[in-house]
Amino acid sequence: MAKGYNRPRPAKGGGMMAQFQQMQEQMAQAQAELADETVTATVGGGAISVTMSGDQVCKSVEILPELLEDADVEMLQDLITSGVNAALDQSRQLANDKMSPFTDMLGGLGL
């Protein structure tokens, strides 16, 4: 047998696995931070405000009482829908901004 034939070889990719584990931990931390961050969208000249968390959970909907005095149900429904959609868009953008370093890194690895 050749000299050193049975010598243990260093594990390949050990550094890569440690990097993936670290990235997983950082992603989990970023996701937890998103749950604590909020965005607020206002529509109808401030008549309706919708607050959404960074993980797309609606936290509150505020309606100015004056808007209810002229109770036009269809208008109210449209404003609420617009407010929720605007808050969701802002929340998604916040999540995208927070998670893009990870998705860019994974994309560069072909994942």
PDB file of N, CA and C in Angstrom:
ATOM      1  N   MET A   1       0.833  -1.183   0.000  1.00  0.00           N
ATOM      2  CA  MET A   1       0.000   0.000   0.000  1.00  0.00           C
ATOM      3  C   MET A   1       0.874   1.241   0.000  1.00  0.00           C
ATOM      4  N   ALA A   2       0.337   2.289  -0.584  1.00  0.00           N
ATOM      5  CA  ALA A   2       1.078   3.546  -0.640  1.00  0.00           C
ATOM      6  C   ALA A   2       1.094   4.188   0.735  1.00  0.00           C
ATOM      7  N   LYS A   3       2.169   4.859   0.998  1.00  0.00           N
ATOM      8  CA  LYS A   3       2.328   5.540   2.283  1.00  0.00           C
ATOM      9  C   LYS A   3       1.218   6.590   2.456  1.00  0.00           C
ATOM     10  N   GLY A   4       0.545   6.570   3.621  1.00  0.00           N
ATOM     11  CA  GLY A   4      -0.501   7.554   3.908  1.00  0.00           C
ATOM     12  C   GLY A   4      -1.827   7.243   3.258  1.00  0.00           C
ATOM     13  N   TYR A   5      -1.979   6.049   2.701  1.00  0.00           N
ATOM     14  CA  TYR A   5      -3.201   5.701   1.984  1.00  0.00           C
ATOM     15  C   TYR A   5      -4.448   5.780   2.869  1.00  0.00           C
ATOM     16  N   ASN A   6      -4.367   5.340   4.109  1.00  0.00           N
ATOM     17  CA  ASN A   6      -5.528   5.316   5.005  1.00  0.00           C
ATOM     18  C   ASN A   6      -5.638   6.577   5.851  1.00  0.00           C
ATOM     19  N   ARG A   7      -4.897   7.569   5.519  1.00  0.00           N
ATOM     20  CA  ARG A   7      -4.927   8.813   6.293  1.00  0.00           C
ATOM     21  C   ARG A   7      -6.313   9.463   6.153  1.00  0.00           C
ATOM     22  N   PRO A   8      -6.884   9.900   7.272  1.00  0.00           N
ATOM     23  CA  PRO A   8      -8.194  10.578   7.184  1.00  0.00           C
ATOM     24  C   PRO A   8      -8.079  11.860   6.366  1.00  0.00           C
ATOM     25  N   ARG A   9      -9.057  12.076   5.572  1.00  0.00           N
ATOM     26  CA  ARG A   9      -9.075  13.269   4.716  1.00  0.00           C
ATOM     27  C   ARG A   9     -10.009  14.300   5.335  1.00  0.00           C
ATOM     28  N   PRO A  10      -9.658  15.568   5.189  1.00  0.00           N
ATOM     29  CA  PRO A  10     -10.545  16.603   5.731  1.00  0.00           C
ATOM     30  C   PRO A  10     -11.885  16.591   4.994  1.00  0.00           C
ATOM     31  N   ALA A  11     -12.923  16.845   5.749  1.00  0.00           N
ATOM     32  CA  ALA A  11     -14.264  16.871   5.159  1.00  0.00           C
ATOM     33  C   ALA A  11     -14.381  18.056   4.214  1.00  0.00           C
ATOM     34  N   LYS A  12     -14.895  17.782   3.037  1.00  0.00           N
ATOM     35  CA  LYS A  12     -15.094  18.844   2.057  1.00  0.00           C
ATOM     36  C   LYS A  12     -16.419  19.533   2.344  1.00  0.00           C
ATOM     37  N   GLY A  13     -16.457  20.827   2.146  1.00  0.00           N
ATOM     38  CA  GLY A  13     -17.701  21.568   2.302  1.00  0.00           C
ATOM     39  C   GLY A  13     -18.056  21.877   3.741  1.00  0.00           C
ATOM     40  N   GLY A  14     -17.187  21.563   4.689  1.00  0.00           N
ATOM     41  CA  GLY A  14     -17.484  21.844   6.090  1.00  0.00           C
ATOM     42  C   GLY A  14     -17.702  23.320   6.328  1.00  0.00           C
ATOM     43  N   GLY A  15     -16.889  24.143   5.693  1.00  0.00           N
ATOM     44  CA  GLY A  15     -17.047  25.588   5.815  1.00  0.00           C
ATOM     45  C   GLY A  15     -18.336  26.068   5.194  1.00  0.00           C
ATOM     46  N   MET A  16     -18.717  25.438   4.104  1.00  0.00           N
ATOM     47  CA  MET A  16     -19.949  25.806   3.404  1.00  0.00           C
ATOM     48  C   MET A  16     -21.167  25.504   4.275  1.00  0.00           C
ATOM     49  N   MET A  17     -21.151  24.359   4.939  1.00  0.00           N
ATOM     50  CA  MET A  17     -22.282  24.002   5.804  1.00  0.00           C
ATOM     51  C   MET A  17     -22.404  24.979   6.975  1.00  0.00           C
ATOM     52  N   ALA A  18     -21.266  25.377   7.529  1.00  0.00           N
ATOM     53  CA  ALA A  18     -21.290  26.340   8.625  1.00  0.00           C
ATOM     54  C   ALA A  18     -21.863  27.673   8.141  1.00  0.00           C
ATOM     55  N   GLN A  19     -21.514  28.057   6.924  1.00  0.00           N
ATOM     56  CA  GLN A  19     -22.046  29.306   6.356  1.00  0.00           C
ATOM     57  C   GLN A  19     -23.550  29.208   6.150  1.00  0.00           C
ATOM     58  N   PHE A  20     -24.032  28.064   5.660  1.00  0.00           N
ATOM     59  CA  PHE A  20     -25.469  27.876   5.473  1.00  0.00           C
ATOM     60  C   PHE A  20     -26.202  27.930   6.807  1.00  0.00           C
ATOM     61  N   GLN A  21     -25.630  27.299   7.823  1.00  0.00           N
ATOM     62  CA  GLN A  21     -26.259  27.313   9.140  1.00  0.00           C
ATOM     63  C   GLN A  21     -26.316  28.735   9.689  1.00  0.00           C
ATOM     64  N   GLN A  22     -25.237  29.482   9.517  1.00  0.00           N
ATOM     65  CA  GLN A  22     -25.217  30.871   9.975  1.00  0.00           C
ATOM     66  C   GLN A  22     -26.246  31.695   9.212  1.00  0.00           C
ATOM     67  N   MET A  23     -26.356  31.460   7.911  1.00  0.00           N
ATOM     68  CA  MET A  23     -27.328  32.191   7.105  1.00  0.00           C
ATOM     69  C   MET A  23     -28.746  31.835   7.544  1.00  0.00           C
ATOM     70  N   GLN A  24     -28.998  30.570   7.875  1.00  0.00           N
ATOM     71  CA  GLN A  24     -30.321  30.159   8.362  1.00  0.00           C
ATOM     72  C   GLN A  24     -30.674  30.895   9.642  1.00  0.00           C
ATOM     73  N   GLU A  25     -29.718  31.000  10.540  1.00  0.00           N
ATOM     74  CA  GLU A  25     -29.948  31.699  11.800  1.00  0.00           C
ATOM     75  C   GLU A  25     -30.230  33.179  11.553  1.00  0.00           C
ATOM     76  N   GLN A  26     -29.497  33.782  10.624  1.00  0.00           N
ATOM     77  CA  GLN A  26     -29.710  35.194  10.311  1.00  0.00           C
ATOM     78  C   GLN A  26     -31.071  35.403   9.659  1.00  0.00           C
ATOM     79  N   MET A  27     -31.485  34.468   8.805  1.00  0.00           N
ATOM     80  CA  MET A  27     -32.798  34.566   8.165  1.00  0.00           C
ATOM     81  C   MET A  27     -33.907  34.457   9.208  1.00  0.00           C
ATOM     82  N   ALA A  28     -33.759  33.546  10.148  1.00  0.00           N
ATOM     83  CA  ALA A  28     -34.762  33.384  11.199  1.00  0.00           C
ATOM     84  C   ALA A  28     -34.857  34.660  12.035  1.00  0.00           C
ATOM     85  N   GLN A  29     -33.712  35.265  12.316  1.00  0.00           N
ATOM     86  CA  GLN A  29     -33.691  36.520  13.078  1.00  0.00           C
ATOM     87  C   GLN A  29     -34.390  37.633  12.296  1.00  0.00           C
ATOM     88  N   ALA A  30     -34.109  37.714  11.001  1.00  0.00           N
ATOM     89  CA  ALA A  30     -34.732  38.741  10.161  1.00  0.00           C
ATOM     90  C   ALA A  30     -36.249  38.542  10.101  1.00  0.00           C
ATOM     91  N   GLN A  31     -36.698  37.296  10.021  1.00  0.00           N
ATOM     92  CA  GLN A  31     -38.131  37.019   9.996  1.00  0.00           C
ATOM     93  C   GLN A  31     -38.783  37.388  11.324  1.00  0.00           C
ATOM     94  N   ALA A  32     -38.098  37.133  12.417  1.00  0.00           N
ATOM     95  CA  ALA A  32     -38.640  37.511  13.729  1.00  0.00           C
ATOM     96  C   ALA A  32     -38.735  39.032  13.842  1.00  0.00           C
ATOM     97  N   GLU A  33     -37.739  39.739  13.314  1.00  0.00           N
ATOM     98  CA  GLU A  33     -37.769  41.202  13.338  1.00  0.00           C
ATOM     99  C   GLU A  33     -38.914  41.733  12.497  1.00  0.00           C
ATOM    100  N   LEU A  34     -39.200  41.077  11.366  1.00  0.00           N
ATOM    101  CA  LEU A  34     -40.308  41.505  10.514  1.00  0.00           C
ATOM    102  C   LEU A  34     -41.634  41.449  11.257  1.00  0.00           C
ATOM    103  N   ALA A  35     -41.812  40.455  12.098  1.00  0.00           N
ATOM    104  CA  ALA A  35     -43.064  40.323  12.846  1.00  0.00           C
ATOM    105  C   ALA A  35     -43.256  41.495  13.805  1.00  0.00           C
ATOM    106  N   ASP A  36     -42.150  42.118  14.228  1.00  0.00           N
ATOM    107  CA  ASP A  36     -42.231  43.244  15.160  1.00  0.00           C
ATOM    108  C   ASP A  36     -42.341  44.596  14.469  1.00  0.00           C
ATOM    109  N   GLU A  37     -41.973  44.660  13.196  1.00  0.00           N
ATOM    110  CA  GLU A  37     -42.025  45.933  12.468  1.00  0.00           C
ATOM    111  C   GLU A  37     -43.408  46.118  11.853  1.00  0.00           C
ATOM    112  N   THR A  38     -43.838  47.380  11.748  1.00  0.00           N
ATOM    113  CA  THR A  38     -45.150  47.660  11.160  1.00  0.00           C
ATOM    114  C   THR A  38     -45.045  48.758  10.111  1.00  0.00           C
ATOM    115  N   VAL A  39     -46.023  48.756   9.224  1.00  0.00           N
ATOM    116  CA  VAL A  39     -46.206  49.817   8.244  1.00  0.00           C
ATOM    117  C   VAL A  39     -47.657  50.261   8.348  1.00  0.00           C
ATOM    118  N   THR A  40     -47.918  51.517   8.034  1.00  0.00           N
ATOM    119  CA  THR A  40     -49.280  52.031   8.068  1.00  0.00           C
ATOM    120  C   THR A  40     -49.577  52.726   6.743  1.00  0.00           C
ATOM    121  N   ALA A  41     -50.681  52.324   6.142  1.00  0.00           N
ATOM    122  CA  ALA A  41     -51.144  52.943   4.905  1.00  0.00           C
ATOM    123  C   ALA A  41     -52.409  53.722   5.206  1.00  0.00           C
ATOM    124  N   THR A  42     -52.492  54.923   4.659  1.00  0.00           N
ATOM    125  CA  THR A  42     -53.712  55.717   4.821  1.00  0.00           C
ATOM    126  C   THR A  42     -54.307  55.975   3.446  1.00  0.00           C
ATOM    127  N   VAL A  43     -55.617  55.953   3.388  1.00  0.00           N
ATOM    128  CA  VAL A  43     -56.339  56.210   2.143  1.00  0.00           C
ATOM    129  C   VAL A  43     -57.494  57.153   2.443  1.00  0.00           C
ATOM    130  N   GLY A  44     -58.083  57.670   1.379  1.00  0.00           N
ATOM    131  CA  GLY A  44     -59.237  58.559   1.532  1.00  0.00           C
ATOM    132  C   GLY A  44     -58.885  59.836   2.257  1.00  0.00           C
ATOM    133  N   GLY A  45     -57.693  60.363   1.982  1.00  0.00           N
ATOM    134  CA  GLY A  45     -57.276  61.601   2.629  1.00  0.00           C
ATOM    135  C   GLY A  45     -57.076  61.439   4.127  1.00  0.00           C
ATOM    136  N   GLY A  46     -56.696  60.246   4.549  1.00  0.00           N
ATOM    137  CA  GLY A  46     -56.475  59.983   5.967  1.00  0.00           C
ATOM    138  C   GLY A  46     -57.705  59.467   6.686  1.00  0.00           C
ATOM    139  N   ALA A  47     -58.789  59.217   5.935  1.00  0.00           N
ATOM    140  CA  ALA A  47     -60.029  58.746   6.556  1.00  0.00           C
ATOM    141  C   ALA A  47     -59.891  57.332   7.101  1.00  0.00           C
ATOM    142  N   ILE A  48     -59.038  56.533   6.451  1.00  0.00           N
ATOM    143  CA  ILE A  48     -58.834  55.151   6.889  1.00  0.00           C
ATOM    144  C   ILE A  48     -57.331  54.886   6.961  1.00  0.00           C
ATOM    145  N   SER A  49     -56.907  54.285   8.072  1.00  0.00           N
ATOM    146  CA  SER A  49     -55.509  53.884   8.250  1.00  0.00           C
ATOM    147  C   SER A  49     -55.477  52.397   8.566  1.00  0.00           C
ATOM    148  N   VAL A  50     -54.608  51.695   7.864  1.00  0.00           N
ATOM    149  CA  VAL A  50     -54.450  50.258   8.093  1.00  0.00           C
ATOM    150  C   VAL A  50     -53.004  50.015   8.491  1.00  0.00           C
ATOM    151  N   THR A  51     -52.811  49.349   9.622  1.00  0.00           N
ATOM    152  CA  THR A  51     -51.466  49.014  10.101  1.00  0.00           C
ATOM    153  C   THR A  51     -51.263  47.519   9.944  1.00  0.00           C
ATOM    154  N   MET A  52     -50.127  47.186   9.317  1.00  0.00           N
ATOM    155  CA  MET A  52     -49.812  45.797   8.992  1.00  0.00           C
ATOM    156  C   MET A  52     -48.403  45.505   9.495  1.00  0.00           C
ATOM    157  N   SER A  53     -48.187  44.289   9.974  1.00  0.00           N
ATOM    158  CA  SER A  53     -46.846  43.904  10.397  1.00  0.00           C
ATOM    159  C   SER A  53     -46.021  43.499   9.179  1.00  0.00           C
ATOM    160  N   GLY A  54     -44.726  43.379   9.386  1.00  0.00           N
ATOM    161  CA  GLY A  54     -43.827  42.989   8.305  1.00  0.00           C
ATOM    162  C   GLY A  54     -44.049  41.572   7.830  1.00  0.00           C
ATOM    163  N   ASP A  55     -44.752  40.765   8.636  1.00  0.00           N
ATOM    164  CA  ASP A  55     -45.066  39.404   8.196  1.00  0.00           C
ATOM    165  C   ASP A  55     -46.527  39.289   7.753  1.00  0.00           C
ATOM    166  N   GLN A  56     -47.073  40.398   7.271  1.00  0.00           N
ATOM    167  CA  GLN A  56     -48.394  40.502   6.651  1.00  0.00           C
ATOM    168  C   GLN A  56     -49.552  40.114   7.563  1.00  0.00           C
ATOM    169  N   VAL A  57     -49.493  40.557   8.810  1.00  0.00           N
ATOM    170  CA  VAL A  57     -50.618  40.386   9.732  1.00  0.00           C
ATOM    171  C   VAL A  57     -51.225  41.763   9.960  1.00  0.00           C
ATOM    172  N   CYS A  58     -52.526  41.878   9.698  1.00  0.00           N
ATOM    173  CA  CYS A  58     -53.206  43.151   9.901  1.00  0.00           C
ATOM    174  C   CYS A  58     -53.330  43.406  11.401  1.00  0.00           C
ATOM    175  N   LYS A  59     -52.758  44.524  11.851  1.00  0.00           N
ATOM    176  CA  LYS A  59     -52.755  44.852  13.277  1.00  0.00           C
ATOM    177  C   LYS A  59     -53.921  45.749  13.661  1.00  0.00           C
ATOM    178  N   SER A  60     -54.293  46.673  12.765  1.00  0.00           N
ATOM    179  CA  SER A  60     -55.424  47.545  13.087  1.00  0.00           C
ATOM    180  C   SER A  60     -55.964  48.222  11.841  1.00  0.00           C
ATOM    181  N   VAL A  61     -57.232  48.597  11.940  1.00  0.00           N
ATOM    182  CA  VAL A  61     -57.896  49.408  10.917  1.00  0.00           C
ATOM    183  C   VAL A  61     -58.573  50.536  11.679  1.00  0.00           C
ATOM    184  N   GLU A  62     -58.221  51.769  11.330  1.00  0.00           N
ATOM    185  CA  GLU A  62     -58.817  52.932  11.984  1.00  0.00           C
ATOM    186  C   GLU A  62     -59.639  53.704  10.960  1.00  0.00           C
ATOM    187  N   ILE A  63     -60.852  54.059  11.356  1.00  0.00           N
ATOM    188  CA  ILE A  63     -61.758  54.798  10.484  1.00  0.00           C
ATOM    189  C   ILE A  63     -62.161  56.068  11.206  1.00  0.00           C
ATOM    190  N   LEU A  64     -62.002  57.209  10.538  1.00  0.00           N
ATOM    191  CA  LEU A  64     -62.431  58.473  11.140  1.00  0.00           C
ATOM    192  C   LEU A  64     -63.949  58.442  11.325  1.00  0.00           C
ATOM    193  N   PRO A  65     -64.433  58.807  12.481  1.00  0.00           N
ATOM    194  CA  PRO A  65     -65.883  58.788  12.741  1.00  0.00           C
ATOM    195  C   PRO A  65     -66.668  59.645  11.746  1.00  0.00           C
ATOM    196  N   GLU A  66     -66.064  60.735  11.276  1.00  0.00           N
ATOM    197  CA  GLU A  66     -66.771  61.606  10.323  1.00  0.00           C
ATOM    198  C   GLU A  66     -67.130  60.861   9.040  1.00  0.00           C
ATOM    199  N   LEU A  67     -66.330  59.873   8.674  1.00  0.00           N
ATOM    200  CA  LEU A  67     -66.597  59.113   7.460  1.00  0.00           C
ATOM    201  C   LEU A  67     -67.898  58.317   7.604  1.00  0.00           C
ATOM    202  N   LEU A  68     -68.207  57.914   8.814  1.00  0.00           N
ATOM    203  CA  LEU A  68     -69.403  57.103   9.043  1.00  0.00           C
ATOM    204  C   LEU A  68     -70.681  57.936   9.065  1.00  0.00           C
ATOM    205  N   GLU A  69     -70.547  59.243   9.230  1.00  0.00           N
ATOM    206  CA  GLU A  69     -71.732  60.112   9.239  1.00  0.00           C
ATOM    207  C   GLU A  69     -72.421  60.117   7.885  1.00  0.00           C
ATOM    208  N   ASP A  70     -71.639  60.037   6.824  1.00  0.00           N
ATOM    209  CA  ASP A  70     -72.189  60.013   5.468  1.00  0.00           C
ATOM    210  C   ASP A  70     -72.226  58.580   4.952  1.00  0.00           C
ATOM    211  N   ALA A  71     -72.534  57.649   5.768  1.00  0.00           N
ATOM    212  CA  ALA A  71     -72.462  56.207   5.541  1.00  0.00           C
ATOM    213  C   ALA A  71     -72.810  55.749   4.122  1.00  0.00           C
ATOM    214  N   ASP A  72     -71.820  55.796   3.255  1.00  0.00           N
ATOM    215  CA  ASP A  72     -71.925  55.206   1.926  1.00  0.00           C
ATOM    216  C   ASP A  72     -71.164  53.884   2.005  1.00  0.00           C
ATOM    217  N   VAL A  73     -71.904  52.795   2.120  1.00  0.00           N
ATOM    218  CA  VAL A  73     -71.310  51.482   2.382  1.00  0.00           C
ATOM    219  C   VAL A  73     -70.310  51.086   1.299  1.00  0.00           C
ATOM    220  N   GLU A  74     -70.670  51.286   0.047  1.00  0.00           N
ATOM    221  CA  GLU A  74     -69.760  50.901  -1.040  1.00  0.00           C
ATOM    222  C   GLU A  74     -68.455  51.684  -0.976  1.00  0.00           C
ATOM    223  N   MET A  75     -68.545  52.987  -0.698  1.00  0.00           N
ATOM    224  CA  MET A  75     -67.336  53.792  -0.602  1.00  0.00           C
ATOM    225  C   MET A  75     -66.474  53.307   0.562  1.00  0.00           C
ATOM    226  N   LEU A  76     -67.097  53.022   1.687  1.00  0.00           N
ATOM    227  CA  LEU A  76     -66.376  52.537   2.862  1.00  0.00           C
ATOM    228  C   LEU A  76     -65.683  51.206   2.553  1.00  0.00           C
ATOM    229  N   GLN A  77     -66.389  50.322   1.896  1.00  0.00           N
ATOM    230  CA  GLN A  77     -65.804  49.036   1.528  1.00  0.00           C
ATOM    231  C   GLN A  77     -64.615  49.220   0.592  1.00  0.00           C
ATOM    232  N   ASP A  78     -64.765  50.098  -0.385  1.00  0.00           N
ATOM    233  CA  ASP A  78     -63.668  50.357  -1.328  1.00  0.00           C
ATOM    234  C   ASP A  78     -62.458  50.958  -0.621  1.00  0.00           C
ATOM    235  N   LEU A  79     -62.703  51.889   0.298  1.00  0.00           N
ATOM    236  CA  LEU A  79     -61.597  52.503   1.028  1.00  0.00           C
ATOM    237  C   LEU A  79     -60.867  51.487   1.909  1.00  0.00           C
ATOM    238  N   ILE A  80     -61.628  50.641   2.571  1.00  0.00           N
ATOM    239  CA  ILE A  80     -61.005  49.620   3.417  1.00  0.00           C
ATOM    240  C   ILE A  80     -60.187  48.656   2.557  1.00  0.00           C
ATOM    241  N   THR A  81     -60.760  48.232   1.448  1.00  0.00           N
ATOM    242  CA  THR A  81     -60.035  47.333   0.542  1.00  0.00           C
ATOM    243  C   THR A  81     -58.754  47.988   0.039  1.00  0.00           C
ATOM    244  N   SER A  82     -58.851  49.250  -0.365  1.00  0.00           N
ATOM    245  CA  SER A  82     -57.666  49.969  -0.839  1.00  0.00           C
ATOM    246  C   SER A  82     -56.619  50.104   0.253  1.00  0.00           C
ATOM    247  N   GLY A  83     -57.070  50.395   1.460  1.00  0.00           N
ATOM    248  CA  GLY A  83     -56.143  50.537   2.586  1.00  0.00           C
ATOM    249  C   GLY A  83     -55.430  49.244   2.920  1.00  0.00           C
ATOM    250  N   VAL A  84     -56.175  48.153   2.932  1.00  0.00           N
ATOM    251  CA  VAL A  84     -55.563  46.847   3.225  1.00  0.00           C
ATOM    252  C   VAL A  84     -54.567  46.480   2.131  1.00  0.00           C
ATOM    253  N   ASN A  85     -54.942  46.691   0.881  1.00  0.00           N
ATOM    254  CA  ASN A  85     -54.030  46.364  -0.224  1.00  0.00           C
ATOM    255  C   ASN A  85     -52.774  47.234  -0.191  1.00  0.00           C
ATOM    256  N   ALA A  86     -52.925  48.510   0.119  1.00  0.00           N
ATOM    257  CA  ALA A  86     -51.759  49.399   0.207  1.00  0.00           C
ATOM    258  C   ALA A  86     -50.847  48.983   1.361  1.00  0.00           C
ATOM    259  N   ALA A  87     -51.436  48.621   2.489  1.00  0.00           N
ATOM    260  CA  ALA A  87     -50.640  48.172   3.636  1.00  0.00           C
ATOM    261  C   ALA A  87     -49.929  46.855   3.321  1.00  0.00           C
ATOM    262  N   LEU A  88     -50.610  45.955   2.623  1.00  0.00           N
ATOM    263  CA  LEU A  88     -49.973  44.706   2.216  1.00  0.00           C
ATOM    264  C   LEU A  88     -48.796  44.963   1.282  1.00  0.00           C
ATOM    265  N   ASP A  89     -48.973  45.876   0.333  1.00  0.00           N
ATOM    266  CA  ASP A  89     -47.870  46.219  -0.579  1.00  0.00           C
ATOM    267  C   ASP A  89     -46.669  46.752   0.194  1.00  0.00           C
ATOM    268  N   GLN A  90     -46.929  47.635   1.151  1.00  0.00           N
ATOM    269  CA  GLN A  90     -45.835  48.194   1.954  1.00  0.00           C
ATOM    270  C   GLN A  90     -45.174  47.108   2.801  1.00  0.00           C
ATOM    271  N   SER A  91     -45.979  46.219   3.348  1.00  0.00           N
ATOM    272  CA  SER A  91     -45.457  45.140   4.174  1.00  0.00           C
ATOM    273  C   SER A  91     -44.606  44.191   3.347  1.00  0.00           C
ATOM    274  N   ARG A  92     -45.059  43.873   2.159  1.00  0.00           N
ATOM    275  CA  ARG A  92     -44.279  42.995   1.267  1.00  0.00           C
ATOM    276  C   ARG A  92     -42.955  43.647   0.881  1.00  0.00           C
ATOM    277  N   GLN A  93     -42.999  44.958   0.632  1.00  0.00           N
ATOM    278  CA  GLN A  93     -41.768  45.666   0.284  1.00  0.00           C
ATOM    279  C   GLN A  93     -40.794  45.657   1.463  1.00  0.00           C
ATOM    280  N   LEU A  94     -41.317  45.861   2.665  1.00  0.00           N
ATOM    281  CA  LEU A  94     -40.479  45.795   3.870  1.00  0.00           C
ATOM    282  C   LEU A  94     -39.839  44.417   3.989  1.00  0.00           C
ATOM    283  N   ALA A  95     -40.642  43.371   3.793  1.00  0.00           N
ATOM    284  CA  ALA A  95     -40.120  42.003   3.876  1.00  0.00           C
ATOM    285  C   ALA A  95     -39.091  41.754   2.788  1.00  0.00           C
ATOM    286  N   ASN A  96     -39.362  42.243   1.588  1.00  0.00           N
ATOM    287  CA  ASN A  96     -38.416  42.069   0.487  1.00  0.00           C
ATOM    288  C   ASN A  96     -37.091  42.770   0.797  1.00  0.00           C
ATOM    289  N   ASP A  97     -37.169  43.982   1.312  1.00  0.00           N
ATOM    290  CA  ASP A  97     -35.959  44.731   1.658  1.00  0.00           C
ATOM    291  C   ASP A  97     -35.153  44.005   2.734  1.00  0.00           C
ATOM    292  N   LYS A  98     -35.861  43.435   3.702  1.00  0.00           N
ATOM    293  CA  LYS A  98     -35.204  42.773   4.827  1.00  0.00           C
ATOM    294  C   LYS A  98     -34.602  41.423   4.415  1.00  0.00           C
ATOM    295  N   MET A  99     -35.271  40.727   3.513  1.00  0.00           N
ATOM    296  CA  MET A  99     -34.840  39.381   3.153  1.00  0.00           C
ATOM    297  C   MET A  99     -34.002  39.320   1.875  1.00  0.00           C
ATOM    298  N   SER A 100     -33.909  40.416   1.133  1.00  0.00           N
ATOM    299  CA  SER A 100     -33.190  40.380  -0.140  1.00  0.00           C
ATOM    300  C   SER A 100     -31.723  39.979  -0.024  1.00  0.00           C
ATOM    301  N   PRO A 101     -31.003  40.339   1.041  1.00  0.00           N
ATOM    302  CA  PRO A 101     -29.616  39.853   1.111  1.00  0.00           C
ATOM    303  C   PRO A 101     -29.536  38.330   1.092  1.00  0.00           C
ATOM    304  N   PHE A 102     -30.512  37.669   1.682  1.00  0.00           N
ATOM    305  CA  PHE A 102     -30.500  36.212   1.730  1.00  0.00           C
ATOM    306  C   PHE A 102     -30.933  35.612   0.395  1.00  0.00           C
ATOM    307  N   THR A 103     -31.980  36.178  -0.188  1.00  0.00           N
ATOM    308  CA  THR A 103     -32.448  35.644  -1.465  1.00  0.00           C
ATOM    309  C   THR A 103     -31.428  35.897  -2.570  1.00  0.00           C
ATOM    310  N   ASP A 104     -30.737  37.042  -2.496  1.00  0.00           N
ATOM    311  CA  ASP A 104     -29.685  37.313  -3.482  1.00  0.00           C
ATOM    312  C   ASP A 104     -28.545  36.313  -3.330  1.00  0.00           C
ATOM    313  N   MET A 105     -28.187  36.000  -2.097  1.00  0.00           N
ATOM    314  CA  MET A 105     -27.105  35.068  -1.829  1.00  0.00           C
ATOM    315  C   MET A 105     -27.485  33.658  -2.329  1.00  0.00           C
ATOM    316  N   LEU A 106     -28.709  33.248  -2.036  1.00  0.00           N
ATOM    317  CA  LEU A 106     -29.153  31.921  -2.471  1.00  0.00           C
ATOM    318  C   LEU A 106     -29.272  31.856  -3.986  1.00  0.00           C
ATOM    319  N   GLY A 107     -29.738  32.943  -4.581  1.00  0.00           N
ATOM    320  CA  GLY A 107     -29.844  32.978  -6.038  1.00  0.00           C
ATOM    321  C   GLY A 107     -28.487  32.853  -6.701  1.00  0.00           C
ATOM    322  N   GLY A 108     -27.480  33.460  -6.089  1.00  0.00           N
ATOM    323  CA  GLY A 108     -26.126  33.380  -6.622  1.00  0.00           C
ATOM    324  C   GLY A 108     -25.560  31.976  -6.534  1.00  0.00           C
ATOM    325  N   LEU A 109     -26.126  31.169  -5.631  1.00  0.00           N
ATOM    326  CA  LEU A 109     -25.672  29.786  -5.490  1.00  0.00           C
ATOM    327  C   LEU A 109     -26.480  28.850  -6.369  1.00  0.00           C
ATOM    328  N   GLY A 110     -27.444  29.396  -7.109  1.00  0.00           N
ATOM    329  CA  GLY A 110     -28.263  28.570  -7.986  1.00  0.00           C
ATOM    330  C   GLY A 110     -29.412  27.879  -7.271  1.00  0.00           C
ATOM    331  N   LEU A 111     -29.755  28.374  -6.082  1.00  0.00           N
ATOM    332  CA  LEU A 111     -30.861  27.764  -5.333  1.00  0.00           C
ATOM    333  C   LEU A 111     -32.131  28.564  -5.510  1.00  0.00           C
TER     334      LEU A 111
END
